[in-house]
C-alpha atoms as a PDB file:
ATOM      1  CA  MET A   1     112.417 107.571 104.759  1.00  0.00           C
ATOM      2  CA  LYS A   2     110.121 105.217 106.670  1.00  0.00           C
ATOM      3  CA  ALA A   3     112.810 104.634 109.302  1.00  0.00           C
ATOM      4  CA  ILE A   4     113.228 108.381 109.793  1.00  0.00           C
ATOM      5  CA  VAL A   5     109.490 108.943 110.197  1.00  0.00           C
ATOM      6  CA  LEU A   6     109.243 106.051 112.675  1.00  0.00           C
ATOM      7  CA  ALA A   7     112.233 107.402 114.620  1.00  0.00           C
ATOM      8  CA  MET A   8     110.424 110.734 114.896  1.00  0.00           C
ATOM      9  CA  GLY A   9     107.556 108.908 116.612  1.00  0.00           C
ATOM     10  CA  PHE A  10     105.029 109.038 113.784  1.00  0.00           C
ATOM     11  CA  GLN A  11     102.776 106.090 113.042  1.00  0.00           C
ATOM     12  CA  VAL A  12     103.065 104.938 109.432  1.00  0.00           C
ATOM     13  CA  LYS A  13     100.001 103.786 107.500  1.00  0.00           C
ATOM     14  CA  GLY A  14      99.630 102.748 103.912  1.00  0.00           C
ATOM     15  CA  THR A  15      96.718 103.508 101.616  1.00  0.00           C
ATOM     16  CA  LEU A  16      94.594 100.641 102.901  1.00  0.00           C
ATOM     17  CA  GLY A  17      95.338 101.589 106.492  1.00  0.00           C
ATOM     18  CA  LEU A  18      94.137 105.097 105.756  1.00  0.00           C
ATOM     19  CA  PHE A  19      90.920 103.660 104.344  1.00  0.00           C
ATOM     20  CA  VAL A  20      90.358 101.845 107.657  1.00  0.00           C
ATOM     21  CA  VAL A  21      90.919 105.049 109.643  1.00  0.00           C
ATOM     22  CA  ALA A  22      88.613 107.021 107.340  1.00  0.00           C
ATOM     23  CA  TYR A  23      85.921 104.347 107.686  1.00  0.00           C
ATOM     24  CA  ARG A  24      86.161 104.274 111.477  1.00  0.00           C
ATOM     25  CA  LEU A  25      85.940 108.074 111.618  1.00  0.00           C
ATOM     26  CA  GLY A  26      82.887 108.035 109.370  1.00  0.00           C
ATOM     27  CA  LEU A  27      84.713 109.838 106.553  1.00  0.00           C
ATOM     28  CA  MET A  28      84.218 107.011 104.032  1.00  0.00           C
ATOM     29  CA  THR A  29      81.565 104.354 103.603  1.00  0.00           C
ATOM     30  CA  GLN A  30      82.309 100.750 102.715  1.00  0.00           C
ATOM     31  CA  VAL A  31      80.883 101.419  99.238  1.00  0.00           C
ATOM     32  CA  GLU A  32      83.270 104.346  98.757  1.00  0.00           C
ATOM     33  CA  ILE A  33      86.197 102.205  99.871  1.00  0.00           C
ATOM     34  CA  ASP A  34      85.178  99.434  97.462  1.00  0.00           C
ATOM     35  CA  GLN A  35      85.044 102.016  94.658  1.00  0.00           C
ATOM     36  CA  ALA A  36      88.457 103.381  95.623  1.00  0.00           C
ATOM     37  CA  ILE A  37      89.943  99.863  95.650  1.00  0.00           C
ATOM     38  CA  ALA A  38      88.479  99.227  92.194  1.00  0.00           C
ATOM     39  CA  ARG A  39      89.999 102.473  90.887  1.00  0.00           C
ATOM     40  CA  LEU A  40      93.361 101.593  92.415  1.00  0.00           C
ATOM     41  CA  GLY A  41      93.156  98.141  90.850  1.00  0.00           C
ATOM     42  CA  ASN A  42      92.666  99.759  87.448  1.00  0.00           C
ATOM     43  CA  SER A  43      95.696 101.998  87.909  1.00  0.00           C
ATOM     44  CA  SER A  44      99.403 101.291  88.142  1.00  0.00           C
ATOM     45  CA  VAL A  45      99.071 100.650  91.892  1.00  0.00           C
ATOM     46  CA  ARG A  46      99.504  96.989  92.755  1.00  0.00           C
ATOM     47  CA  LEU A  47      97.249  95.737  95.539  1.00  0.00           C
ATOM     48  CA  SER A  48      98.069  92.492  97.269  1.00  0.00           C
ATOM     49  CA  PRO A  49      94.960  90.295  97.487  1.00  0.00           C
ATOM     50  CA  ARG A  50      96.048  89.427 101.025  1.00  0.00           C
ATOM     51  CA  LEU A  51      95.971  93.102 101.998  1.00  0.00           C
ATOM     52  CA  VAL A  52      92.519  93.577 100.469  1.00  0.00           C
ATOM     53  CA  VAL A  53      91.290  90.622 102.572  1.00  0.00           C
ATOM     54  CA  TRP A  54      92.863  92.268 105.624  1.00  0.00           C
ATOM     55  CA  LEU A  55      91.136  95.564 104.798  1.00  0.00           C
ATOM     56  CA  ARG A  56      87.738  93.903 104.511  1.00  0.00           C
ATOM     57  CA  SER A  57      88.282  92.121 107.846  1.00  0.00           C
ATOM     58  CA  GLN A  58      89.052  95.475 109.480  1.00  0.00           C
ATOM     59  CA  LEU A  59      85.907  97.068 108.088  1.00  0.00           C
ATOM     60  CA  ASN A  60      83.769  94.211 109.391  1.00  0.00           C
ATOM     61  CA  ALA A  61      85.416  94.132 112.844  1.00  0.00           C
END
């Protein structure tokens, strides 16, 4: 599916990438993102610690 979407010219973002976009557009605060990450961490979604570090670096850039 990802290959098809990319072939159609769409840019693919995961959940954390969407958080970065929402933050940059002023749709989410850093506190809201931290809360969302905590909720995801308490669910069946597996978050790579490396990706969480990346997310935080993007929010502070």
